[in-house]
Amino acid sequence: MPTPAAELGKLDYFVGTWRLEGEVEPNSISPGGHLIETDQNDWMDGGFFLVVRSEFTISGMNGASGVAYLGYDPNEKLYTYDEFNSMGEAIHSKGFVDGDTWIWSGERKMDTGIVKTQWVVKIRTAVTYDFKFEMSPDGTTWTTVVEGKAIKQP
């Protein structure tokens, strides 16, 4: 049997139930508003993937959900993130961690073409982190779409 990469141990930080709150700026994929999200994060049997089950609301849009799988690709030496949600999106990103900051990068096809994305997590304490999601047409100039704080629930 294969064994999980040692790098996966860094994802242990995210295990448990987290409440995220933030503000979404109006943009081409959302009317904006207040975001409230609950994530339940547990290791899949075998320890190769952290499973994130999410339920979230954005002002006026209730009942959205998603499931994501976080892993590690030892060939690319990058973390993987694959999300599927109730809005019909399939989101795939690659990430790395530098100290207390995680950055997940990907692309989305939109009406205006391919847009680069990044989800940035800055760990503040053992039970809190700040987050923001940004988009860019060129990977140089970034626009913040959502920004907020996550608190681990007891």
N, C-alpha and C. Protein backbone atom coordinates (compact mmCIF):
# COMPACT_ATOMS: atom_id res chain seq x y z
N MET A 1 0.84 -1.20 0.00
CA MET A 1 0.00 0.00 0.00
C MET A 1 0.88 1.25 0.00
N PRO A 2 0.51 2.23 -0.82
CA PRO A 2 1.25 3.50 -0.79
C PRO A 2 0.98 4.23 0.52
N THR A 3 1.89 5.11 0.88
CA THR A 3 1.71 5.91 2.09
C THR A 3 1.60 7.38 1.70
N PRO A 4 0.80 8.14 2.45
CA PRO A 4 0.64 9.57 2.14
C PRO A 4 1.96 10.33 2.26
N ALA A 5 2.13 11.32 1.41
CA ALA A 5 3.32 12.18 1.45
C ALA A 5 3.37 12.94 2.78
N ALA A 6 4.55 13.12 3.30
CA ALA A 6 4.72 13.84 4.57
C ALA A 6 4.15 15.25 4.49
N GLU A 7 4.17 15.86 3.30
CA GLU A 7 3.68 17.23 3.13
C GLU A 7 2.19 17.36 3.48
N LEU A 8 1.45 16.26 3.38
CA LEU A 8 0.03 16.30 3.71
C LEU A 8 -0.21 16.66 5.16
N GLY A 9 0.76 16.41 6.02
CA GLY A 9 0.63 16.75 7.44
C GLY A 9 0.35 18.22 7.68
N LYS A 10 0.78 19.08 6.78
CA LYS A 10 0.53 20.52 6.94
C LYS A 10 -0.96 20.85 6.83
N LEU A 11 -1.71 19.99 6.14
CA LEU A 11 -3.16 20.21 6.01
C LEU A 11 -3.91 19.88 7.30
N ASP A 12 -3.24 19.22 8.26
CA ASP A 12 -3.89 18.91 9.55
C ASP A 12 -4.45 20.17 10.21
N TYR A 13 -3.82 21.30 9.98
CA TYR A 13 -4.30 22.57 10.54
C TYR A 13 -5.78 22.78 10.24
N PHE A 14 -6.22 22.39 9.06
CA PHE A 14 -7.58 22.69 8.60
C PHE A 14 -8.63 21.66 9.04
N VAL A 15 -8.21 20.56 9.68
CA VAL A 15 -9.16 19.54 10.13
C VAL A 15 -10.10 20.14 11.17
N GLY A 16 -11.38 19.80 11.08
CA GLY A 16 -12.38 20.27 12.03
C GLY A 16 -13.43 21.11 11.34
N THR A 17 -14.22 21.79 12.15
CA THR A 17 -15.29 22.64 11.64
C THR A 17 -14.86 24.10 11.72
N TRP A 18 -15.00 24.80 10.62
CA TRP A 18 -14.61 26.20 10.52
C TRP A 18 -15.81 27.04 10.09
N ARG A 19 -15.92 28.23 10.67
CA ARG A 19 -16.94 29.21 10.25
C ARG A 19 -16.20 30.36 9.59
N LEU A 20 -16.56 30.63 8.34
CA LEU A 20 -15.97 31.72 7.58
C LEU A 20 -16.99 32.82 7.42
N GLU A 21 -16.56 34.06 7.60
CA GLU A 21 -17.40 35.22 7.34
C GLU A 21 -16.58 36.23 6.57
N GLY A 22 -17.22 36.84 5.58
CA GLY A 22 -16.52 37.84 4.80
C GLY A 22 -17.47 38.65 3.95
N GLU A 23 -16.87 39.55 3.20
CA GLU A 23 -17.64 40.42 2.31
C GLU A 23 -17.25 40.12 0.87
N VAL A 24 -18.27 39.91 0.05
CA VAL A 24 -18.08 39.64 -1.37
C VAL A 24 -18.35 40.92 -2.14
N GLU A 25 -17.40 41.33 -2.94
CA GLU A 25 -17.57 42.49 -3.80
C GLU A 25 -18.42 42.10 -5.01
N PRO A 26 -19.31 42.96 -5.46
CA PRO A 26 -20.07 42.64 -6.68
C PRO A 26 -19.10 42.38 -7.83
N ASN A 27 -19.35 41.32 -8.59
CA ASN A 27 -18.46 40.97 -9.69
C ASN A 27 -19.25 40.19 -10.73
N SER A 28 -18.56 39.70 -11.74
CA SER A 28 -19.24 39.01 -12.85
C SER A 28 -19.82 37.65 -12.47
N ILE A 29 -19.43 37.08 -11.31
CA ILE A 29 -19.97 35.79 -10.91
C ILE A 29 -20.85 35.88 -9.66
N SER A 30 -20.99 37.07 -9.08
CA SER A 30 -21.79 37.21 -7.86
C SER A 30 -22.27 38.65 -7.71
N PRO A 31 -23.48 38.82 -7.15
CA PRO A 31 -23.96 40.18 -6.90
C PRO A 31 -23.30 40.81 -5.67
N GLY A 32 -22.50 40.04 -4.96
CA GLY A 32 -21.84 40.56 -3.77
C GLY A 32 -22.71 40.40 -2.54
N GLY A 33 -22.16 40.82 -1.40
CA GLY A 33 -22.89 40.74 -0.14
C GLY A 33 -22.08 40.06 0.94
N HIS A 34 -22.79 39.73 2.02
CA HIS A 34 -22.14 39.11 3.18
C HIS A 34 -22.08 37.59 2.99
N LEU A 35 -20.90 37.00 3.17
CA LEU A 35 -20.69 35.57 3.05
C LEU A 35 -20.65 34.94 4.43
N ILE A 36 -21.39 33.85 4.61
CA ILE A 36 -21.28 33.02 5.79
C ILE A 36 -21.13 31.59 5.29
N GLU A 37 -20.09 30.91 5.74
CA GLU A 37 -19.80 29.56 5.27
C GLU A 37 -19.39 28.69 6.45
N THR A 38 -19.83 27.45 6.43
CA THR A 38 -19.38 26.46 7.40
C THR A 38 -18.71 25.34 6.64
N ASP A 39 -17.47 25.04 7.02
CA ASP A 39 -16.72 23.95 6.40
C ASP A 39 -16.49 22.85 7.43
N GLN A 40 -16.79 21.62 7.06
CA GLN A 40 -16.47 20.46 7.88
C GLN A 40 -15.38 19.70 7.16
N ASN A 41 -14.19 19.66 7.75
CA ASN A 41 -13.00 19.11 7.10
C ASN A 41 -12.51 17.86 7.82
N ASP A 42 -12.45 16.74 7.09
CA ASP A 42 -12.01 15.47 7.67
C ASP A 42 -11.15 14.72 6.66
N TRP A 43 -10.22 13.93 7.18
CA TRP A 43 -9.38 13.11 6.30
C TRP A 43 -10.18 11.96 5.72
N MET A 44 -10.01 11.73 4.43
CA MET A 44 -10.58 10.55 3.76
C MET A 44 -9.78 9.34 4.25
N ASP A 45 -10.43 8.19 4.28
CA ASP A 45 -9.71 6.96 4.62
C ASP A 45 -8.45 6.86 3.77
N GLY A 46 -7.37 6.47 4.38
CA GLY A 46 -6.09 6.36 3.67
C GLY A 46 -5.18 7.56 3.92
N GLY A 47 -5.78 8.73 4.22
CA GLY A 47 -4.99 9.91 4.55
C GLY A 47 -4.38 10.66 3.38
N PHE A 48 -4.85 10.39 2.16
CA PHE A 48 -4.29 11.09 1.00
C PHE A 48 -5.03 12.39 0.67
N PHE A 49 -6.30 12.50 1.11
CA PHE A 49 -7.09 13.69 0.78
C PHE A 49 -7.85 14.18 1.99
N LEU A 50 -7.85 15.49 2.18
CA LEU A 50 -8.69 16.15 3.17
C LEU A 50 -9.99 16.53 2.45
N VAL A 51 -11.11 16.07 2.98
CA VAL A 51 -12.40 16.32 2.36
C VAL A 51 -13.05 17.51 3.06
N VAL A 52 -13.44 18.52 2.28
CA VAL A 52 -14.07 19.74 2.80
C VAL A 52 -15.51 19.76 2.33
N ARG A 53 -16.43 19.69 3.27
CA ARG A 53 -17.86 19.79 2.95
C ARG A 53 -18.33 21.17 3.39
N SER A 54 -18.81 21.96 2.44
CA SER A 54 -19.15 23.36 2.69
C SER A 54 -20.63 23.63 2.50
N GLU A 55 -21.16 24.50 3.34
CA GLU A 55 -22.48 25.09 3.15
C GLU A 55 -22.29 26.58 3.29
N PHE A 56 -22.86 27.36 2.35
CA PHE A 56 -22.62 28.80 2.42
C PHE A 56 -23.81 29.59 1.90
N THR A 57 -23.87 30.81 2.37
CA THR A 57 -24.86 31.77 1.89
C THR A 57 -24.13 33.07 1.58
N ILE A 58 -24.61 33.72 0.54
CA ILE A 58 -24.17 35.07 0.22
C ILE A 58 -25.46 35.85 0.14
N SER A 59 -25.51 37.01 0.74
CA SER A 59 -26.73 37.82 0.81
C SER A 59 -27.67 37.52 -0.35
N GLY A 60 -28.85 36.99 -0.02
CA GLY A 60 -29.86 36.72 -1.02
C GLY A 60 -29.74 35.38 -1.71
N MET A 61 -28.67 34.64 -1.46
CA MET A 61 -28.50 33.33 -2.10
C MET A 61 -28.26 32.30 -1.00
N ASN A 62 -29.31 31.58 -0.63
CA ASN A 62 -29.20 30.61 0.46
C ASN A 62 -29.08 29.20 -0.08
N GLY A 63 -28.55 28.32 0.75
CA GLY A 63 -28.57 26.90 0.44
C GLY A 63 -27.53 26.40 -0.53
N ALA A 64 -26.45 27.09 -0.73
CA ALA A 64 -25.40 26.61 -1.62
C ALA A 64 -24.48 25.66 -0.84
N SER A 65 -23.92 24.70 -1.57
CA SER A 65 -23.03 23.76 -0.91
C SER A 65 -21.97 23.29 -1.88
N GLY A 66 -20.96 22.64 -1.33
CA GLY A 66 -19.89 22.12 -2.16
C GLY A 66 -19.11 21.06 -1.42
N VAL A 67 -18.32 20.33 -2.16
CA VAL A 67 -17.38 19.38 -1.59
C VAL A 67 -16.06 19.58 -2.32
N ALA A 68 -14.97 19.57 -1.55
CA ALA A 68 -13.64 19.76 -2.14
C ALA A 68 -12.69 18.72 -1.57
N TYR A 69 -11.65 18.44 -2.34
CA TYR A 69 -10.64 17.49 -1.94
C TYR A 69 -9.28 18.17 -2.02
N LEU A 70 -8.59 18.24 -0.89
CA LEU A 70 -7.25 18.81 -0.85
C LEU A 70 -6.26 17.66 -0.75
N GLY A 71 -5.23 17.70 -1.56
CA GLY A 71 -4.22 16.65 -1.56
C GLY A 71 -2.86 17.23 -1.85
N TYR A 72 -1.94 16.36 -2.22
CA TYR A 72 -0.58 16.78 -2.55
C TYR A 72 -0.09 15.95 -3.72
N ASP A 73 0.46 16.62 -4.73
CA ASP A 73 1.03 15.95 -5.89
C ASP A 73 2.55 15.92 -5.73
N PRO A 74 3.12 14.75 -5.37
CA PRO A 74 4.57 14.69 -5.13
C PRO A 74 5.40 14.90 -6.40
N ASN A 75 4.82 14.65 -7.59
CA ASN A 75 5.55 14.88 -8.83
C ASN A 75 5.73 16.37 -9.10
N GLU A 76 4.66 17.15 -8.88
CA GLU A 76 4.74 18.60 -9.10
C GLU A 76 5.21 19.34 -7.86
N LYS A 77 5.20 18.65 -6.72
CA LYS A 77 5.53 19.26 -5.43
C LYS A 77 4.61 20.45 -5.13
N LEU A 78 3.31 20.22 -5.42
CA LEU A 78 2.28 21.23 -5.19
C LEU A 78 1.08 20.56 -4.53
N TYR A 79 0.35 21.36 -3.75
CA TYR A 79 -0.90 20.89 -3.17
C TYR A 79 -1.99 21.00 -4.23
N THR A 80 -3.00 20.15 -4.13
CA THR A 80 -4.09 20.15 -5.09
C THR A 80 -5.39 20.51 -4.39
N TYR A 81 -6.29 21.15 -5.13
CA TYR A 81 -7.61 21.53 -4.62
C TYR A 81 -8.61 21.32 -5.75
N ASP A 82 -9.57 20.45 -5.50
CA ASP A 82 -10.60 20.16 -6.50
C ASP A 82 -11.96 20.28 -5.84
N GLU A 83 -12.76 21.26 -6.27
CA GLU A 83 -14.07 21.56 -5.68
C GLU A 83 -15.17 21.37 -6.71
N PHE A 84 -16.31 20.87 -6.21
CA PHE A 84 -17.51 20.72 -7.01
C PHE A 84 -18.65 21.28 -6.17
N ASN A 85 -19.44 22.21 -6.73
CA ASN A 85 -20.45 22.85 -5.89
C ASN A 85 -21.83 22.87 -6.55
N SER A 86 -22.81 23.28 -5.74
CA SER A 86 -24.21 23.25 -6.18
C SER A 86 -24.55 24.33 -7.20
N MET A 87 -23.58 25.16 -7.56
CA MET A 87 -23.79 26.15 -8.62
C MET A 87 -23.27 25.62 -9.96
N GLY A 88 -22.89 24.33 -9.98
CA GLY A 88 -22.43 23.71 -11.20
C GLY A 88 -20.97 23.94 -11.52
N GLU A 89 -20.22 24.48 -10.59
CA GLU A 89 -18.81 24.76 -10.84
C GLU A 89 -17.94 23.56 -10.48
N ALA A 90 -16.91 23.36 -11.27
CA ALA A 90 -15.83 22.43 -10.97
C ALA A 90 -14.56 23.27 -10.95
N ILE A 91 -13.97 23.42 -9.78
CA ILE A 91 -12.83 24.33 -9.60
C ILE A 91 -11.58 23.51 -9.29
N HIS A 92 -10.52 23.76 -10.03
CA HIS A 92 -9.27 23.02 -9.85
C HIS A 92 -8.14 24.03 -9.66
N SER A 93 -7.39 23.86 -8.58
CA SER A 93 -6.28 24.77 -8.29
C SER A 93 -5.07 23.99 -7.79
N LYS A 94 -3.94 24.63 -7.88
CA LYS A 94 -2.69 24.09 -7.33
C LYS A 94 -2.18 25.10 -6.32
N GLY A 95 -1.53 24.61 -5.25
CA GLY A 95 -1.11 25.55 -4.23
C GLY A 95 0.20 25.19 -3.58
N PHE A 96 0.67 26.15 -2.79
CA PHE A 96 1.89 25.95 -2.00
C PHE A 96 1.73 26.70 -0.69
N VAL A 97 2.56 26.36 0.26
CA VAL A 97 2.55 27.04 1.54
C VAL A 97 3.93 27.65 1.76
N ASP A 98 3.94 28.89 2.22
CA ASP A 98 5.18 29.60 2.53
C ASP A 98 5.03 30.16 3.94
N GLY A 99 5.59 29.48 4.92
CA GLY A 99 5.44 29.90 6.31
C GLY A 99 4.00 29.75 6.75
N ASP A 100 3.35 30.88 7.05
CA ASP A 100 1.96 30.85 7.51
C ASP A 100 0.97 31.26 6.42
N THR A 101 1.42 31.27 5.16
CA THR A 101 0.56 31.70 4.05
C THR A 101 0.44 30.59 3.01
N TRP A 102 -0.82 30.26 2.69
CA TRP A 102 -1.15 29.32 1.63
C TRP A 102 -1.64 30.12 0.43
N ILE A 103 -1.22 29.74 -0.77
CA ILE A 103 -1.72 30.37 -1.99
C ILE A 103 -2.11 29.27 -2.97
N TRP A 104 -3.40 29.27 -3.35
CA TRP A 104 -3.94 28.32 -4.31
C TRP A 104 -4.23 29.08 -5.59
N SER A 105 -3.68 28.64 -6.72
CA SER A 105 -3.85 29.34 -7.99
C SER A 105 -4.58 28.46 -9.00
N GLY A 106 -5.41 29.11 -9.81
CA GLY A 106 -6.13 28.39 -10.85
C GLY A 106 -6.59 29.32 -11.94
N GLU A 107 -7.49 28.82 -12.76
CA GLU A 107 -8.07 29.60 -13.85
C GLU A 107 -9.55 29.27 -13.95
N ARG A 108 -10.32 30.25 -14.41
CA ARG A 108 -11.75 30.04 -14.68
C ARG A 108 -12.06 30.62 -16.04
N LYS A 109 -12.93 29.92 -16.76
CA LYS A 109 -13.40 30.43 -18.05
C LYS A 109 -14.62 31.30 -17.78
N MET A 110 -14.58 32.53 -18.26
CA MET A 110 -15.67 33.47 -18.06
C MET A 110 -16.05 34.06 -19.42
N ASP A 111 -17.10 34.86 -19.43
CA ASP A 111 -17.54 35.49 -20.69
C ASP A 111 -16.43 36.29 -21.35
N THR A 112 -15.56 36.87 -20.53
CA THR A 112 -14.48 37.72 -21.05
C THR A 112 -13.23 36.93 -21.41
N GLY A 113 -13.25 35.62 -21.22
CA GLY A 113 -12.10 34.78 -21.51
C GLY A 113 -11.61 34.07 -20.25
N ILE A 114 -10.37 33.64 -20.27
CA ILE A 114 -9.78 32.93 -19.14
C ILE A 114 -9.31 33.96 -18.11
N VAL A 115 -9.71 33.74 -16.86
CA VAL A 115 -9.32 34.62 -15.75
C VAL A 115 -8.50 33.80 -14.76
N LYS A 116 -7.41 34.36 -14.31
CA LYS A 116 -6.59 33.70 -13.29
C LYS A 116 -7.20 33.99 -11.92
N THR A 117 -7.09 32.99 -11.02
CA THR A 117 -7.65 33.12 -9.68
C THR A 117 -6.62 32.74 -8.64
N GLN A 118 -6.81 33.28 -7.45
CA GLN A 118 -6.00 32.82 -6.33
C GLN A 118 -6.78 32.98 -5.03
N TRP A 119 -6.65 31.95 -4.20
CA TRP A 119 -7.24 31.89 -2.86
C TRP A 119 -6.06 31.97 -1.91
N VAL A 120 -6.02 33.01 -1.08
CA VAL A 120 -4.90 33.23 -0.17
C VAL A 120 -5.40 33.06 1.26
N VAL A 121 -4.71 32.21 2.02
CA VAL A 121 -5.03 31.96 3.42
C VAL A 121 -3.81 32.37 4.25
N LYS A 122 -4.04 33.25 5.20
CA LYS A 122 -2.97 33.70 6.11
C LYS A 122 -3.33 33.22 7.52
N ILE A 123 -2.59 32.26 8.03
CA ILE A 123 -2.86 31.71 9.36
C ILE A 123 -2.47 32.75 10.41
N ARG A 124 -3.40 33.04 11.31
CA ARG A 124 -3.17 34.01 12.38
C ARG A 124 -2.88 33.34 13.72
N THR A 125 -3.70 32.33 14.07
CA THR A 125 -3.51 31.59 15.32
C THR A 125 -3.86 30.13 15.04
N ALA A 126 -3.84 29.30 16.06
CA ALA A 126 -4.20 27.89 15.91
C ALA A 126 -5.67 27.72 15.53
N VAL A 127 -6.47 28.77 15.75
CA VAL A 127 -7.91 28.65 15.49
C VAL A 127 -8.48 29.78 14.63
N THR A 128 -7.63 30.57 13.99
CA THR A 128 -8.12 31.64 13.12
C THR A 128 -7.20 31.80 11.89
N TYR A 129 -7.82 32.15 10.79
CA TYR A 129 -7.05 32.56 9.62
C TYR A 129 -7.84 33.59 8.84
N ASP A 130 -7.12 34.42 8.11
CA ASP A 130 -7.71 35.39 7.20
C ASP A 130 -7.69 34.78 5.80
N PHE A 131 -8.65 35.15 4.98
CA PHE A 131 -8.69 34.62 3.62
C PHE A 131 -9.11 35.71 2.65
N LYS A 132 -8.71 35.52 1.40
CA LYS A 132 -9.23 36.36 0.33
C LYS A 132 -9.14 35.59 -0.98
N PHE A 133 -10.09 35.88 -1.85
CA PHE A 133 -10.13 35.30 -3.18
C PHE A 133 -9.98 36.45 -4.16
N GLU A 134 -9.05 36.29 -5.10
CA GLU A 134 -8.77 37.34 -6.06
C GLU A 134 -8.84 36.80 -7.49
N MET A 135 -9.13 37.69 -8.42
CA MET A 135 -9.13 37.34 -9.85
C MET A 135 -8.28 38.36 -10.61
N SER A 136 -7.73 37.88 -11.73
CA SER A 136 -6.88 38.73 -12.55
C SER A 136 -6.98 38.30 -14.01
N PRO A 137 -7.06 39.28 -14.92
CA PRO A 137 -7.08 38.92 -16.35
C PRO A 137 -5.69 38.49 -16.85
N ASP A 138 -4.64 38.92 -16.14
CA ASP A 138 -3.29 38.69 -16.65
C ASP A 138 -2.32 38.08 -15.63
N GLY A 139 -2.77 37.83 -14.40
CA GLY A 139 -1.88 37.28 -13.37
C GLY A 139 -0.98 38.31 -12.73
N THR A 140 -1.18 39.59 -13.08
CA THR A 140 -0.36 40.67 -12.53
C THR A 140 -1.20 41.61 -11.67
N THR A 141 -2.30 42.07 -12.22
CA THR A 141 -3.20 42.99 -11.53
C THR A 141 -4.36 42.19 -10.94
N TRP A 142 -4.47 42.19 -9.59
CA TRP A 142 -5.47 41.36 -8.91
C TRP A 142 -6.59 42.22 -8.33
N THR A 143 -7.81 41.71 -8.45
CA THR A 143 -8.98 42.34 -7.86
C THR A 143 -9.53 41.41 -6.78
N THR A 144 -9.70 41.94 -5.56
CA THR A 144 -10.25 41.14 -4.47
C THR A 144 -11.74 40.95 -4.68
N VAL A 145 -12.18 39.68 -4.67
CA VAL A 145 -13.59 39.34 -4.85
C VAL A 145 -14.25 39.12 -3.49
N VAL A 146 -13.57 38.43 -2.60
CA VAL A 146 -14.08 38.19 -1.25
C VAL A 146 -12.92 38.19 -0.27
N GLU A 147 -13.20 38.71 0.92
CA GLU A 147 -12.17 38.79 1.96
C GLU A 147 -12.85 38.61 3.30
N GLY A 148 -12.19 37.87 4.20
CA GLY A 148 -12.80 37.67 5.51
C GLY A 148 -11.91 36.90 6.45
N LYS A 149 -12.58 36.31 7.46
CA LYS A 149 -11.88 35.64 8.55
C LYS A 149 -12.56 34.29 8.82
N ALA A 150 -11.77 33.31 9.20
CA ALA A 150 -12.28 31.99 9.56
C ALA A 150 -11.92 31.71 11.02
N ILE A 151 -12.89 31.09 11.72
CA ILE A 151 -12.67 30.74 13.12
C ILE A 151 -13.03 29.27 13.29
N LYS A 152 -12.09 28.50 13.88
CA LYS A 152 -12.35 27.08 14.14
C LYS A 152 -13.37 26.97 15.26
N GLN A 153 -14.34 26.11 15.06
CA GLN A 153 -15.41 25.92 16.04
C GLN A 153 -15.01 24.86 17.06
N PRO A 154 -15.45 25.03 18.31
CA PRO A 154 -15.08 24.04 19.33
C PRO A 154 -15.75 22.69 19.08
